[in-house]
Amino acid sequence: FKQCGRSIKKFLEKKCMKKNIKKYLAIVLAVLFLGEQLAGCVQSEQTEQETKLESRTVDEIELEPYEAEELPPAGERKTCRAEQYEMEITLDTVKQQIRGNSTMTITNQTEDTLGQICVRNYAASILKEKGTGTSTISNARIAGTDQMLVTETKEDSSVIYLQLGERELKPKDTITISLDFVTDIPEQKEKFGYWEEGENRVYQLSFCFPVTAMYENGKWNENPYVFSGESNYHSPAVFRCTFTAPEEYTVAATGEEKTSGKVTEIYAESIRELAVVASDRMKKECVDAEGVEVNHYYLDYKGNTEYNKLSLMAARDSVLLFSRFIGEYPYKELDIVQTALSNGMEFPGLVMAAMPDVENIQKLDQSASYTSACSMIAHETAHQWFYGGVGNDPYEEAWLDEGFAEYCEDVLYQQSRLASAVEAVKRDQERLGSSEIWGTMSDEEFHRDMESQIEQIVGERFIINRTYEQYQQEVDTYSEYVYTGGSCFLYELQNAMGDGKFFSMLQQYYRNWCMKEARTEDFLQAVRAYDNSEEVNQIITKYIA
């Protein structure tokens, strides 16, 4: 009963809570909790033995050798997309606005002649949904000329078309477009917004900088902005940004940042979007992860010392672990930034780390779960490989990044027995009386637990590669299928193929598609190049439509 309850409880807490349906699950969780306590009375000796497992380093984890198979080269997607952005942005902490200019260099790699460019201004959709504030784009023009461009805003206010007039964008041609923007910042604890803690503020700025949409297969991508998932689909580009904020503010951003006075210069190669967090309360601590600079930006409260220490440990452990099992980390640094999100959010080279749901965020060492914090950081760090490195369209095939990140969290990290994972569980048992042993289980116990989860949740057929819109047709299926289902699919493939073959395949897939955009068929092609057995194909049929 305890093993069964642990699987269901973990699933409900991590997935269903993202849908804000806690009140519907309270009774279920209460019953499971009582079951755990009863079972724990008769299994206390087993639990004590399990939690005595010692931590280890990444180098101590055995990786079964396997000779790499040759995969077909990744196909080039013919797209029209921005290759470079130059931005000047000012954060106005009095008017609660960002304003600035964005210059986009766009290349048409398709065979189509284009008479318009689609720009995405996600902030307009966010503010419209909230019912307050505006985001306006003006002075759109071809850079270096006096030619102003007519703009057309669609019903989805985040979709804006710039009419090129006589200046058509022909195949293989490049055009540079400049535009100005002014956007109100809403007071909300979301991916885009600001919040106050006493006299201090934190600005979480993402999905608020105008960018070029992706053009492929004869049309511009108009994925609607979604609030309970992701829909942003962009290719890697070079970003050069000058960000101005009050001098007392610390600025963390995607890419590398250098601050002098009020001005932070941001530079990034091969990132898919820009995100910035700015606060007059943040401090920074750094560690090295074999050449990768791992930075932890945290809110400066004395009651959070251990929480912050374990968060930084988890980030470093994750970088080292995933680098070994998947491939080289795709950026020069990783910024873990403490924010007020209810769930973590990934950006290229930056993670907006979620704030735990506790009464006093100034005393996280008293009541916050270290295990949840470390697991969340592992998940969002894994996105640096799957979304940052290997891109995908999250509106059409979210499992390609969320399923992989969930697998990295639930299977690779939590069963790695690295120092952060083991220490977090042990400290939670001591501080909070937690019965959680995930992350310190023996391999045999872990596999029994995973098989139980698959049996209870997945069953005989569990399709994970539907679109976001299709999952909305049924209540609370998106997280269940995309996150949990994706993780279970990869776990079952690993068991069927064997560790050596599976991880060799995963590394080849990552190398092939890093800084490109993959689809489900591309991953399946890699799997079948290594193992086209009946067992593997039965697993594929179980999860993939």
Protein backbone atom coordinates (compact mmCIF):
# COMPACT_ATOMS: atom_id res chain seq x y z
CA PHE A 1 0.00 0.00 0.00
CA LYS A 2 2.79 2.40 0.88
CA GLN A 3 4.52 1.94 -2.49
CA CYS A 4 1.23 2.34 -4.36
CA GLY A 5 0.29 5.41 -2.33
CA ARG A 6 3.69 7.01 -2.87
CA SER A 7 3.36 6.69 -6.67
CA ILE A 8 -0.16 8.14 -6.78
CA LYS A 9 0.62 10.88 -4.23
CA LYS A 10 3.72 11.95 -6.15
CA PHE A 11 1.75 12.07 -9.40
CA LEU A 12 -1.12 14.09 -7.91
CA GLU A 13 1.10 16.59 -6.14
CA LYS A 14 3.48 17.25 -9.04
CA LYS A 15 1.13 17.14 -12.00
CA CYS A 16 -2.44 17.82 -10.99
CA MET A 17 -1.52 20.72 -8.73
CA LYS A 18 -0.41 22.58 -11.84
CA LYS A 19 -4.09 22.74 -12.73
CA ASN A 20 -5.05 24.35 -9.38
CA ILE A 21 -7.44 21.59 -8.36
CA LYS A 22 -6.13 21.07 -4.83
CA LYS A 23 -9.59 21.13 -3.29
CA TYR A 24 -10.67 18.16 -5.39
CA LEU A 25 -7.67 16.11 -4.26
CA ALA A 26 -7.61 16.90 -0.54
CA ILE A 27 -9.62 13.82 0.44
CA VAL A 28 -7.58 11.52 -1.80
CA LEU A 29 -4.29 12.82 -0.44
CA ALA A 30 -5.55 12.55 3.14
CA VAL A 31 -6.44 8.89 2.63
CA LEU A 32 -3.08 8.19 1.01
CA PHE A 33 -1.29 9.99 3.85
CA LEU A 34 -3.04 7.85 6.48
CA GLY A 35 -2.20 4.76 4.48
CA GLU A 36 1.43 5.77 4.36
CA GLN A 37 1.52 6.30 8.10
CA LEU A 38 -0.03 2.89 8.82
CA ALA A 39 2.27 1.17 6.38
CA GLY A 40 5.20 3.14 7.74
CA CYS A 41 4.65 1.72 11.21
CA VAL A 42 5.36 -1.79 9.99
CA GLN A 43 8.04 -0.77 7.52
CA SER A 44 10.04 1.70 9.60
CA GLU A 45 13.07 -0.57 9.65
CA GLN A 46 13.04 -0.82 5.83
CA THR A 47 12.72 2.97 5.45
CA GLU A 48 15.55 3.56 7.90
CA GLN A 49 17.77 1.21 5.93
CA GLU A 50 16.87 2.86 2.61
CA THR A 51 17.67 6.38 3.79
CA LYS A 52 21.12 5.31 4.95
CA LEU A 53 22.26 4.92 1.35
CA GLU A 54 25.33 7.06 0.86
CA SER A 55 25.54 9.84 -1.70
CA ARG A 56 27.96 9.60 -4.61
CA THR A 57 29.54 11.75 -7.29
CA VAL A 58 28.69 11.75 -11.00
CA ASP A 59 32.00 10.01 -11.76
CA GLU A 60 30.98 7.14 -9.48
CA ILE A 61 27.85 6.40 -11.52
CA GLU A 62 28.56 3.62 -13.98
CA LEU A 63 27.64 4.25 -17.60
CA GLU A 64 27.56 1.04 -19.63
CA PRO A 65 29.68 1.46 -22.79
CA TYR A 66 28.02 0.93 -26.15
CA GLU A 67 29.39 1.57 -29.63
CA ALA A 68 27.46 4.41 -31.26
CA GLU A 69 25.29 3.65 -34.26
CA GLU A 70 25.37 5.99 -37.24
CA LEU A 71 22.21 8.08 -37.50
CA PRO A 72 21.01 9.93 -40.58
CA PRO A 73 22.00 13.61 -40.34
CA ALA A 74 19.39 15.96 -38.96
CA GLY A 75 17.33 17.42 -41.73
CA GLU A 76 17.43 21.15 -42.31
CA ARG A 77 14.06 22.82 -41.78
CA LYS A 78 13.54 25.48 -44.42
CA THR A 79 12.27 28.44 -42.45
CA CYS A 80 12.12 32.19 -42.41
CA ARG A 81 13.31 33.37 -39.02
CA ALA A 82 15.28 35.98 -37.15
CA GLU A 83 19.00 35.29 -36.95
CA GLN A 84 19.92 38.28 -34.80
CA TYR A 85 18.27 40.70 -32.38
CA GLU A 86 19.62 44.01 -31.14
CA MET A 87 17.56 45.50 -28.33
CA GLU A 88 17.64 48.59 -26.16
CA ILE A 89 15.36 48.18 -23.16
CA THR A 90 14.61 50.45 -20.20
CA LEU A 91 12.92 49.23 -17.03
CA ASP A 92 10.84 52.04 -15.52
CA THR A 93 10.19 51.16 -11.88
CA VAL A 94 8.01 54.25 -11.37
CA LYS A 95 5.57 53.78 -14.25
CA GLN A 96 5.93 49.96 -14.11
CA GLN A 97 6.81 49.73 -17.77
CA ILE A 98 9.42 48.41 -20.13
CA ARG A 99 10.06 50.39 -23.27
CA GLY A 100 12.63 50.20 -25.99
CA ASN A 101 13.57 49.26 -29.51
CA SER A 102 14.09 45.90 -31.18
CA THR A 103 16.01 45.47 -34.43
CA MET A 104 15.57 42.06 -36.06
CA THR A 105 17.68 40.63 -38.88
CA ILE A 106 15.52 38.08 -40.71
CA THR A 107 16.59 35.56 -43.36
CA ASN A 108 14.24 33.72 -45.70
CA GLN A 109 15.57 30.17 -46.15
CA THR A 110 12.43 28.95 -47.91
CA GLU A 111 11.49 28.91 -51.59
CA ASP A 112 8.62 31.33 -50.96
CA THR A 113 8.58 35.06 -51.67
CA LEU A 114 7.12 36.79 -48.61
CA GLY A 115 5.17 40.03 -48.61
CA GLN A 116 4.77 40.27 -44.82
CA ILE A 117 6.61 39.46 -41.61
CA CYS A 118 4.84 38.10 -38.54
CA VAL A 119 5.93 39.51 -35.18
CA ARG A 120 4.84 38.00 -31.86
CA ASN A 121 4.11 40.31 -28.93
CA TYR A 122 2.97 37.85 -26.26
CA ALA A 123 2.65 40.60 -23.65
CA ALA A 124 -0.41 41.93 -25.49
CA SER A 125 -2.24 38.62 -24.95
CA ILE A 126 -1.17 38.43 -21.31
CA LEU A 127 -2.41 41.94 -20.52
CA LYS A 128 -5.63 41.42 -22.44
CA GLU A 129 -6.37 38.29 -20.44
CA LYS A 130 -5.60 40.10 -17.19
CA GLY A 131 -7.81 43.01 -18.21
CA THR A 132 -5.32 45.72 -17.37
CA GLY A 133 -2.45 47.53 -19.08
CA THR A 134 -1.40 47.73 -22.72
CA SER A 135 1.50 46.74 -24.95
CA THR A 136 1.97 48.76 -28.11
CA ILE A 137 4.31 48.45 -31.09
CA SER A 138 5.07 51.55 -33.15
CA ASN A 139 7.45 52.96 -35.74
CA ALA A 140 7.90 49.63 -37.50
CA ARG A 141 10.25 50.24 -40.40
CA ILE A 142 12.91 48.72 -42.59
CA ALA A 143 16.14 49.56 -40.75
CA GLY A 144 18.33 52.18 -42.39
CA THR A 145 15.48 53.59 -44.48
CA ASP A 146 12.52 55.91 -44.08
CA GLN A 147 10.08 53.21 -45.19
CA MET A 148 7.47 52.76 -42.48
CA LEU A 149 5.58 49.48 -42.44
CA VAL A 150 1.83 49.07 -42.17
CA THR A 151 0.93 46.87 -39.18
CA GLU A 152 -2.04 44.54 -38.90
CA THR A 153 -2.99 43.05 -35.53
CA LYS A 154 -4.99 39.81 -35.57
CA GLU A 155 -7.81 38.85 -33.21
CA ASP A 156 -5.11 37.21 -31.11
CA SER A 157 -3.44 40.47 -30.16
CA SER A 158 -0.04 38.77 -29.85
CA VAL A 159 0.00 38.20 -33.64
CA ILE A 160 1.08 41.26 -35.64
CA TYR A 161 1.84 41.35 -39.36
CA LEU A 162 4.18 43.92 -40.88
CA GLN A 163 3.36 44.55 -44.55
CA LEU A 164 6.54 44.89 -46.62
CA GLY A 165 4.90 46.61 -49.59
CA GLU A 166 7.16 46.64 -52.63
CA ARG A 167 10.09 45.34 -50.57
CA GLU A 168 9.26 41.63 -50.78
CA LEU A 169 11.48 39.15 -49.00
CA LYS A 170 12.66 36.74 -51.67
CA PRO A 171 14.23 33.28 -51.14
CA LYS A 172 17.73 33.48 -49.60
CA ASP A 173 17.20 37.20 -48.99
CA THR A 174 17.74 39.03 -45.68
CA ILE A 175 15.92 42.03 -44.27
CA THR A 176 16.43 44.08 -41.10
CA ILE A 177 13.35 45.50 -39.39
CA SER A 178 13.24 47.91 -36.45
CA LEU A 179 10.33 48.72 -34.15
CA ASP A 180 9.63 50.48 -30.85
CA PHE A 181 7.57 49.09 -28.00
CA VAL A 182 6.06 50.23 -24.69
CA THR A 183 4.60 47.62 -22.36
CA ASP A 184 2.95 47.90 -18.96
CA ILE A 185 4.17 45.40 -16.36
CA PRO A 186 1.32 43.81 -14.41
CA GLU A 187 1.58 43.24 -10.69
CA GLN A 188 1.39 39.46 -10.58
CA LYS A 189 3.57 36.51 -9.60
CA GLU A 190 3.82 35.10 -13.09
CA LYS A 191 6.35 34.65 -15.89
CA PHE A 192 5.66 38.25 -16.85
CA GLY A 193 5.01 40.61 -13.97
CA TYR A 194 6.40 42.14 -10.81
CA TRP A 195 5.76 41.61 -7.12
CA GLU A 196 6.67 43.34 -3.90
CA GLU A 197 8.18 41.95 -0.71
CA GLY A 198 8.20 44.70 1.88
CA GLU A 199 10.03 47.63 0.32
CA ASN A 200 11.67 45.48 -2.35
CA ARG A 201 10.55 44.41 -5.81
CA VAL A 202 11.24 41.57 -8.20
CA TYR A 203 10.58 42.00 -11.93
CA GLN A 204 10.06 38.77 -13.87
CA LEU A 205 10.33 39.75 -17.53
CA SER A 206 9.66 37.10 -20.13
CA PHE A 207 7.26 36.83 -23.07
CA CYS A 208 7.29 40.61 -23.15
CA PHE A 209 9.90 41.42 -25.82
CA PRO A 210 8.69 41.52 -29.47
CA VAL A 211 10.20 38.72 -31.58
CA THR A 212 9.82 37.33 -35.10
CA ALA A 213 7.56 34.33 -35.53
CA MET A 214 8.76 31.16 -37.26
CA TYR A 215 7.73 30.67 -40.91
CA GLU A 216 7.76 27.08 -42.19
CA ASN A 217 5.64 24.82 -44.38
CA GLY A 218 4.10 27.83 -46.11
CA LYS A 219 2.76 29.68 -43.08
CA TRP A 220 3.74 31.81 -40.09
CA ASN A 221 3.43 30.17 -36.69
CA GLU A 222 0.48 31.70 -34.83
CA ASN A 223 0.40 29.44 -31.78
CA PRO A 224 -1.76 31.24 -29.20
CA TYR A 225 -0.15 32.21 -25.91
CA VAL A 226 -1.21 29.66 -23.30
CA PHE A 227 -1.22 30.21 -19.56
CA SER A 228 -0.95 26.61 -18.31
CA GLY A 229 1.78 25.41 -20.66
CA GLU A 230 4.07 26.77 -23.37
CA SER A 231 3.49 27.65 -27.01
CA ASN A 232 6.57 29.72 -27.90
CA TYR A 233 8.38 28.23 -30.91
CA HIS A 234 11.58 29.91 -32.07
CA SER A 235 14.92 28.99 -33.60
CA PRO A 236 18.23 29.97 -31.96
CA ALA A 237 19.44 33.50 -32.66
CA VAL A 238 22.09 35.95 -31.51
CA PHE A 239 20.87 38.48 -28.93
CA ARG A 240 22.61 41.75 -28.12
CA CYS A 241 20.73 43.76 -25.54
CA THR A 242 21.36 46.93 -23.54
CA PHE A 243 19.15 46.81 -20.45
CA THR A 244 18.84 49.91 -18.25
CA ALA A 245 17.50 49.68 -14.69
CA PRO A 246 18.00 51.56 -11.41
CA GLU A 247 21.57 51.18 -10.17
CA GLU A 248 20.54 49.33 -7.01
CA TYR A 249 18.99 46.53 -9.08
CA THR A 250 20.73 43.21 -9.77
CA VAL A 251 19.99 41.88 -13.26
CA ALA A 252 20.05 38.24 -14.35
CA ALA A 253 19.37 37.36 -17.98
CA THR A 254 19.60 34.67 -20.61
CA GLY A 255 23.14 34.71 -21.98
CA GLU A 256 26.06 36.52 -20.39
CA GLU A 257 25.50 39.81 -18.59
CA LYS A 258 27.90 42.56 -17.53
CA THR A 259 26.59 45.43 -15.40
CA SER A 260 28.12 48.86 -14.95
CA GLY A 261 26.05 51.36 -13.03
CA LYS A 262 22.53 51.37 -14.42
CA VAL A 263 23.36 49.55 -17.65
CA THR A 264 23.59 45.79 -18.16
CA GLU A 265 24.98 44.53 -21.45
CA ILE A 266 23.52 41.15 -22.40
CA TYR A 267 25.02 38.96 -25.09
CA ALA A 268 23.95 35.48 -26.10
CA GLU A 269 24.61 33.20 -29.01
CA SER A 270 22.15 30.54 -30.10
CA ILE A 271 19.31 31.20 -27.68
CA ARG A 272 15.65 30.93 -28.52
CA GLU A 273 14.31 33.84 -26.46
CA LEU A 274 15.23 36.56 -23.99
CA ALA A 275 14.28 36.57 -20.32
CA VAL A 276 15.36 38.99 -17.57
CA VAL A 277 14.87 39.05 -13.80
CA ALA A 278 15.70 42.29 -11.97
CA SER A 279 15.47 43.00 -8.25
CA ASP A 280 16.80 45.32 -5.57
CA ARG A 281 16.93 42.39 -3.12
CA MET A 282 18.91 39.75 -5.06
CA LYS A 283 22.35 38.42 -4.22
CA LYS A 284 24.45 36.06 -6.32
CA GLU A 285 26.57 33.01 -5.54
CA CYS A 286 28.59 31.04 -8.10
CA VAL A 287 30.12 27.58 -8.45
CA ASP A 288 31.95 25.86 -11.28
CA ALA A 289 30.61 22.70 -12.94
CA GLU A 290 33.56 21.54 -15.04
CA GLY A 291 33.77 24.77 -17.01
CA VAL A 292 30.11 25.80 -16.78
CA GLU A 293 29.49 28.79 -14.50
CA VAL A 294 26.47 28.02 -12.31
CA ASN A 295 25.00 31.14 -10.71
CA HIS A 296 22.34 31.22 -8.02
CA TYR A 297 20.47 34.52 -7.70
CA TYR A 298 18.55 34.48 -4.44
CA LEU A 299 16.52 36.82 -2.28
CA ASP A 300 18.72 37.95 0.57
CA TYR A 301 17.03 36.59 3.71
CA LYS A 302 18.93 35.04 6.62
CA GLY A 303 16.32 32.33 7.15
CA ASN A 304 16.97 30.73 3.76
CA THR A 305 20.65 29.75 4.04
CA GLU A 306 20.31 25.97 3.77
CA TYR A 307 17.55 26.18 1.16
CA ASN A 308 19.78 28.33 -1.04
CA LYS A 309 22.79 26.09 -0.48
CA LEU A 310 20.91 22.97 -1.59
CA SER A 311 19.39 24.78 -4.58
CA LEU A 312 22.86 25.65 -5.85
CA MET A 313 24.08 22.10 -5.17
CA ALA A 314 21.14 20.68 -7.15
CA ALA A 315 21.87 22.95 -10.12
CA ARG A 316 25.54 21.94 -10.20
CA ASP A 317 24.74 18.24 -9.76
CA SER A 318 22.19 18.43 -12.58
CA VAL A 319 24.60 20.08 -15.01
CA LEU A 320 27.26 17.44 -14.33
CA LEU A 321 24.79 14.54 -14.44
CA PHE A 322 23.01 15.49 -17.64
CA SER A 323 26.27 16.45 -19.35
CA ARG A 324 27.49 12.91 -18.79
CA PHE A 325 24.34 11.02 -19.76
CA ILE A 326 23.04 13.30 -22.55
CA GLY A 327 25.78 15.52 -23.92
CA GLU A 328 27.64 18.79 -23.56
CA TYR A 329 25.80 21.63 -21.83
CA PRO A 330 24.86 24.05 -24.66
CA TYR A 331 25.75 27.38 -22.98
CA LYS A 332 28.57 28.98 -21.01
CA GLU A 333 26.58 29.56 -17.85
CA LEU A 334 23.40 28.62 -16.02
CA ASP A 335 21.49 31.15 -13.92
CA ILE A 336 19.09 29.80 -11.27
CA VAL A 337 16.98 32.77 -10.23
CA GLN A 338 14.60 32.74 -7.26
CA THR A 339 11.17 34.01 -8.31
CA ALA A 340 7.60 33.93 -7.06
CA LEU A 341 6.33 31.47 -9.67
CA SER A 342 4.23 28.56 -8.41
CA ASN A 343 6.13 26.30 -10.83
CA GLY A 344 9.60 26.68 -12.30
CA MET A 345 10.08 28.02 -15.83
CA GLU A 346 12.93 27.34 -18.21
CA PHE A 347 14.72 29.76 -20.52
CA PRO A 348 17.99 29.34 -22.41
CA GLY A 349 20.73 29.40 -19.79
CA LEU A 350 18.30 30.66 -17.13
CA VAL A 351 15.74 29.10 -14.80
CA MET A 352 13.04 31.05 -13.01
CA ALA A 353 12.96 28.86 -9.90
CA ALA A 354 9.61 28.52 -8.16
CA MET A 355 9.05 29.88 -4.67
CA PRO A 356 7.62 27.24 -2.29
CA ASP A 357 4.06 27.68 -1.08
CA VAL A 358 4.88 28.63 2.52
CA GLU A 359 3.61 31.33 4.85
CA ASN A 360 6.94 33.14 5.26
CA ILE A 361 9.37 33.21 2.33
CA GLN A 362 11.99 34.79 4.59
CA LYS A 363 12.28 31.57 6.62
CA LEU A 364 12.36 28.77 4.06
CA ASP A 365 14.67 26.70 6.25
CA GLN A 366 11.79 26.25 8.70
CA SER A 367 9.07 24.79 6.49
CA ALA A 368 10.00 24.58 2.80
CA SER A 369 10.63 21.18 1.22
CA TYR A 370 14.25 20.83 0.13
CA THR A 371 13.34 17.75 -1.90
CA SER A 372 10.76 19.65 -3.97
CA ALA A 373 13.21 22.51 -4.55
CA CYS A 374 16.01 20.24 -5.77
CA SER A 375 13.67 18.20 -7.98
CA MET A 376 12.21 21.33 -9.54
CA ILE A 377 15.68 22.70 -10.30
CA ALA A 378 16.72 19.38 -11.85
CA HIS A 379 13.64 19.43 -14.11
CA GLU A 380 14.15 23.00 -15.31
CA THR A 381 17.89 22.46 -15.76
CA ALA A 382 17.14 19.44 -17.97
CA HIS A 383 15.28 21.81 -20.28
CA GLN A 384 18.64 23.33 -21.21
CA TRP A 385 19.18 20.13 -23.21
CA PHE A 386 15.56 19.59 -24.27
CA TYR A 387 14.07 22.91 -25.43
CA GLY A 388 17.24 25.02 -25.22
CA GLY A 389 19.44 22.54 -27.08
CA VAL A 390 17.02 20.29 -28.98
CA GLY A 391 14.12 22.56 -29.87
CA ASN A 392 10.52 21.58 -30.60
CA ASP A 393 7.10 23.13 -31.06
CA PRO A 394 5.65 22.93 -27.52
CA TYR A 395 2.12 23.64 -28.70
CA GLU A 396 2.17 20.69 -31.11
CA GLU A 397 4.46 18.21 -29.32
CA ALA A 398 5.13 19.31 -25.76
CA TRP A 399 6.27 15.85 -24.69
CA LEU A 400 9.52 16.34 -26.63
CA ASP A 401 10.75 18.74 -23.99
CA GLU A 402 8.50 18.27 -20.94
CA GLY A 403 8.54 14.48 -21.09
CA PHE A 404 12.32 14.44 -21.43
CA ALA A 405 12.77 16.95 -18.59
CA GLU A 406 10.45 14.91 -16.37
CA TYR A 407 12.43 11.76 -17.15
CA CYS A 408 15.67 13.56 -16.28
CA GLU A 409 14.15 14.67 -12.98
CA ASP A 410 12.31 11.49 -11.94
CA VAL A 411 14.71 8.86 -13.25
CA LEU A 412 18.18 10.30 -13.79
CA TYR A 413 18.39 12.88 -11.00
CA GLN A 414 16.23 11.44 -8.26
CA GLN A 415 17.82 8.01 -8.55
CA SER A 416 21.34 9.34 -9.04
CA ARG A 417 21.93 9.52 -5.27
CA LEU A 418 23.98 12.64 -5.82
CA ALA A 419 24.72 14.74 -2.76
CA SER A 420 21.95 17.30 -3.26
CA ALA A 421 19.23 14.65 -3.76
CA VAL A 422 20.26 12.54 -0.77
CA GLU A 423 20.85 15.50 1.53
CA ALA A 424 17.50 17.08 0.64
CA VAL A 425 15.55 13.93 1.50
CA LYS A 426 17.41 13.35 4.76
CA ARG A 427 17.00 16.97 5.88
CA ASP A 428 13.28 16.92 5.07
CA GLN A 429 12.88 13.80 7.20
CA GLU A 430 14.65 15.49 10.09
CA ARG A 431 12.96 18.90 9.78
CA LEU A 432 9.49 18.13 8.48
CA GLY A 433 8.94 14.50 9.47
CA SER A 434 8.67 13.67 5.78
CA SER A 435 8.11 10.03 4.82
CA GLU A 436 9.49 10.71 1.33
CA ILE A 437 12.35 8.38 0.37
CA TRP A 438 12.41 9.18 -3.36
CA GLY A 439 16.00 9.78 -4.32
CA THR A 440 17.47 7.48 -1.66
CA MET A 441 15.85 4.20 -2.68
CA SER A 442 17.84 1.20 -3.72
CA ASP A 443 17.79 0.46 -7.45
CA GLU A 444 15.45 -2.49 -6.89
CA GLU A 445 12.99 -0.41 -4.86
CA PHE A 446 13.13 2.39 -7.42
CA HIS A 447 12.29 0.11 -10.34
CA ARG A 448 9.40 -1.47 -8.41
CA ASP A 449 8.08 2.00 -7.71
CA MET A 450 8.32 3.04 -11.39
CA GLU A 451 6.65 -0.15 -12.58
CA SER A 452 3.84 0.47 -10.09
CA GLN A 453 3.40 4.00 -11.40
CA ILE A 454 3.27 2.78 -15.00
CA GLU A 455 0.70 0.12 -14.12
CA GLN A 456 -1.55 2.53 -12.21
CA ILE A 457 -1.35 5.57 -14.48
CA VAL A 458 -0.36 4.45 -17.97
CA GLY A 459 -2.12 1.13 -18.54
CA GLU A 460 -2.14 -0.40 -22.04
CA ARG A 461 -2.33 2.79 -24.16
CA PHE A 462 -1.30 6.30 -23.21
CA ILE A 463 -0.86 8.69 -26.15
CA ILE A 464 1.62 11.46 -25.33
CA ASN A 465 2.14 13.25 -28.67
CA ARG A 466 -1.14 15.10 -29.09
CA THR A 467 -1.36 18.88 -29.40
CA TYR A 468 -2.02 21.24 -26.51
CA GLU A 469 -5.47 22.00 -27.93
CA GLN A 470 -6.38 18.31 -28.12
CA TYR A 471 -5.51 17.76 -24.47
CA GLN A 472 -7.78 20.65 -23.47
CA GLN A 473 -10.79 18.70 -24.68
CA GLU A 474 -10.59 16.51 -21.59
CA VAL A 475 -10.23 17.69 -18.00
CA ASP A 476 -6.70 17.61 -16.56
CA THR A 477 -4.96 15.47 -19.15
CA TYR A 478 -2.16 17.74 -20.40
CA SER A 479 0.25 17.31 -17.47
CA GLU A 480 -0.72 13.70 -16.95
CA TYR A 481 0.11 12.67 -20.51
CA VAL A 482 2.87 15.08 -21.49
CA TYR A 483 4.90 15.02 -18.25
CA THR A 484 4.22 11.67 -16.61
CA GLY A 485 3.53 9.81 -19.83
CA GLY A 486 6.65 11.16 -21.51
CA SER A 487 8.81 10.14 -18.57
CA CYS A 488 7.31 6.65 -18.43
CA PHE A 489 7.81 6.20 -22.19
CA LEU A 490 11.52 6.96 -21.93
CA TYR A 491 11.88 4.78 -18.84
CA GLU A 492 10.28 1.83 -20.64
CA LEU A 493 12.54 2.37 -23.65
CA GLN A 494 15.57 2.41 -21.35
CA ASN A 495 14.54 -0.89 -19.79
CA ALA A 496 13.85 -2.54 -23.15
CA MET A 497 17.00 -1.31 -24.90
CA GLY A 498 19.39 -1.58 -21.95
CA ASP A 499 21.31 1.32 -20.44
CA GLY A 500 24.28 1.26 -22.80
CA LYS A 501 22.24 1.25 -26.00
CA PHE A 502 19.63 3.69 -24.68
CA PHE A 503 22.06 6.38 -23.53
CA SER A 504 24.22 6.01 -26.65
CA MET A 505 21.06 6.62 -28.69
CA LEU A 506 20.06 9.59 -26.52
CA GLN A 507 23.48 11.17 -26.90
CA GLN A 508 23.43 10.72 -30.68
CA TYR A 509 19.92 12.19 -30.89
CA TYR A 510 21.05 15.19 -28.84
CA ARG A 511 24.14 15.78 -30.97
CA ASN A 512 22.14 15.49 -34.19
CA TRP A 513 19.42 17.93 -33.21
CA CYS A 514 21.14 20.37 -30.85
CA MET A 515 20.31 23.94 -31.95
CA LYS A 516 17.75 22.59 -34.39
CA GLU A 517 14.05 21.74 -34.04
CA ALA A 518 13.10 18.07 -33.75
CA ARG A 519 9.80 16.25 -34.15
CA THR A 520 8.52 12.98 -32.74
CA GLU A 521 9.46 11.09 -35.90
CA ASP A 522 13.05 12.31 -35.57
CA PHE A 523 13.35 10.80 -32.11
CA LEU A 524 11.71 7.55 -33.23
CA GLN A 525 14.14 7.35 -36.14
CA ALA A 526 17.01 7.52 -33.64
CA VAL A 527 15.44 4.83 -31.43
CA ARG A 528 14.84 2.43 -34.31
CA ALA A 529 18.34 2.96 -35.68
CA TYR A 530 19.58 1.44 -32.42
CA ASP A 531 16.80 -1.02 -31.67
CA ASN A 532 13.97 -1.95 -34.05
CA SER A 533 12.88 -4.99 -32.06
CA GLU A 534 9.29 -6.04 -31.57
CA GLU A 535 9.46 -5.11 -27.88
CA VAL A 536 10.63 -1.56 -28.62
CA ASN A 537 7.99 -1.07 -31.31
CA GLN A 538 5.27 -2.28 -28.95
CA ILE A 539 6.36 0.38 -26.46
CA ILE A 540 6.29 3.03 -29.20
CA THR A 541 2.76 1.97 -30.22
CA LYS A 542 1.69 2.18 -26.57
CA TYR A 543 2.64 5.88 -26.29
CA ILE A 544 2.82 7.37 -29.80
CA ALA A 545 -0.13 7.91 -32.14
